Amino acid sequence: MKEVYETIRNLREDNDLLQKDVADFLKMSRTTYNHYELGHSSFTADMIIELAHLFKTTPNVLLNFNSKNEITNSNLIKLCKFVEAENIDVDSLIQLIHIVKKL
């Protein structure tokens, strides 16, 4: 099973955030945050809730209680970035959703 700190690091990277960005959000130094992301310190329940808010997900995803949601969340972020970058119109997006549902 993936460790919590790995999931959080992956979500940070998927959201194009730096450790400094997340550290500022949590009101701590980047060095302190780095210890959490390396697994040297454990995230508190309050931090998990705040990070879930930041990454627009649930604490369950951050804690790896539902790996399917984690995969879906990560893929959704990538899909949204792709749609935005490629200027895909709504009809094309709907077709893409139907294709993904079949997978």
Protein backbone atom coordinates (compact mmCIF):
# COMPACT_ATOMS: atom_id res chain seq x y z
CA MET A 1 0.00 0.00 0.00
CA LYS A 2 1.21 3.48 -0.82
CA GLU A 3 2.30 5.56 2.16
CA VAL A 4 0.38 8.73 3.01
CA TYR A 5 3.39 10.96 2.36
CA GLU A 6 3.78 9.46 -1.14
CA THR A 7 0.13 10.15 -1.95
CA ILE A 8 0.42 13.73 -0.73
CA ARG A 9 3.64 14.29 -2.68
CA ASN A 10 2.01 12.91 -5.84
CA LEU A 11 -1.04 15.14 -5.41
CA ARG A 12 1.20 18.16 -4.83
CA GLU A 13 3.07 17.42 -8.03
CA ASP A 14 -0.16 16.70 -9.95
CA ASN A 15 -1.37 20.15 -8.89
CA ASP A 16 1.90 21.79 -9.98
CA LEU A 17 2.60 23.01 -6.46
CA LEU A 18 5.99 23.39 -4.85
CA GLN A 19 6.76 22.23 -1.34
CA LYS A 20 6.97 25.93 -0.45
CA ASP A 21 3.39 26.45 -1.67
CA VAL A 22 2.04 23.67 0.52
CA ALA A 23 4.21 24.72 3.46
CA ASP A 24 2.86 28.28 3.21
CA PHE A 25 -0.70 26.92 3.07
CA LEU A 26 -0.04 24.91 6.25
CA LYS A 27 1.76 27.89 7.86
CA MET A 28 5.11 26.17 8.30
CA SER A 29 8.57 26.38 6.78
CA ARG A 30 9.41 24.46 3.63
CA THR A 31 12.07 22.55 5.56
CA THR A 32 9.53 21.41 8.15
CA TYR A 33 7.06 20.41 5.42
CA ASN A 34 9.84 18.50 3.63
CA HIS A 35 10.22 16.26 6.70
CA TYR A 36 6.52 15.34 6.43
CA GLU A 37 6.76 14.64 2.71
CA LEU A 38 9.82 12.43 3.21
CA GLY A 39 7.99 10.42 5.86
CA HIS A 40 10.24 11.58 8.72
CA SER A 41 7.27 13.17 10.51
CA SER A 42 3.64 12.05 10.63
CA PHE A 43 0.84 14.24 9.33
CA THR A 44 -1.69 15.22 11.98
CA ALA A 45 -5.43 14.78 11.48
CA ASP A 46 -5.81 18.56 11.12
CA MET A 47 -3.11 18.63 8.43
CA ILE A 48 -4.82 15.80 6.51
CA ILE A 49 -8.09 17.75 6.57
CA GLU A 50 -6.37 20.94 5.39
CA LEU A 51 -4.50 19.09 2.63
CA ALA A 52 -7.71 17.40 1.48
CA HIS A 53 -9.21 20.88 1.16
CA LEU A 54 -6.15 22.15 -0.73
CA PHE A 55 -6.15 19.22 -3.18
CA LYS A 56 -9.97 19.22 -3.48
CA THR A 57 -10.25 15.61 -2.39
CA THR A 58 -11.17 13.71 0.76
CA PRO A 59 -9.09 12.62 3.75
CA ASN A 60 -9.87 9.02 2.73
CA VAL A 61 -7.98 9.52 -0.51
CA LEU A 62 -4.99 11.04 1.30
CA LEU A 63 -4.99 8.17 3.79
CA ASN A 64 -5.30 5.59 0.98
CA PHE A 65 -8.55 4.16 2.32
CA ASN A 66 -9.94 4.04 -1.20
CA SER A 67 -7.25 3.62 -3.83
CA LYS A 68 -9.81 3.75 -6.65
CA ASN A 69 -10.68 7.34 -5.69
CA GLU A 70 -7.01 8.19 -5.53
CA ILE A 71 -6.45 6.97 -9.07
CA THR A 72 -9.59 8.68 -10.29
CA ASN A 73 -8.61 11.95 -8.60
CA SER A 74 -5.11 11.93 -10.08
CA ASN A 75 -6.40 11.04 -13.54
CA LEU A 76 -9.12 13.67 -13.28
CA ILE A 77 -6.55 16.37 -12.55
CA LYS A 78 -4.50 15.27 -15.55
CA LEU A 79 -7.60 15.15 -17.75
CA CYS A 80 -8.65 18.66 -16.71
CA LYS A 81 -5.19 20.01 -17.51
CA PHE A 82 -5.25 18.26 -20.90
CA VAL A 83 -8.72 19.61 -21.75
CA GLU A 84 -7.66 23.12 -20.78
CA ALA A 85 -4.37 22.96 -22.71
CA GLU A 86 -5.98 21.55 -25.84
CA ASN A 87 -9.03 23.87 -25.75
CA ILE A 88 -11.38 20.91 -26.14
CA ASP A 89 -15.00 21.92 -26.74
CA VAL A 90 -17.90 20.64 -24.65
CA ASP A 91 -19.17 18.13 -27.25
CA SER A 92 -15.72 16.58 -27.55
CA LEU A 93 -15.42 16.44 -23.78
CA ILE A 94 -18.76 14.62 -23.50
CA GLN A 95 -17.58 12.08 -26.09
CA LEU A 96 -14.37 11.64 -24.12
CA ILE A 97 -16.33 11.01 -20.92
CA HIS A 98 -18.38 8.31 -22.64
CA ILE A 99 -15.18 6.64 -23.85
CA VAL A 100 -13.65 6.74 -20.36
CA LYS A 101 -16.80 5.26 -18.82
CA LYS A 102 -16.41 2.23 -21.10
CA LEU A 103 -12.87 1.58 -19.85
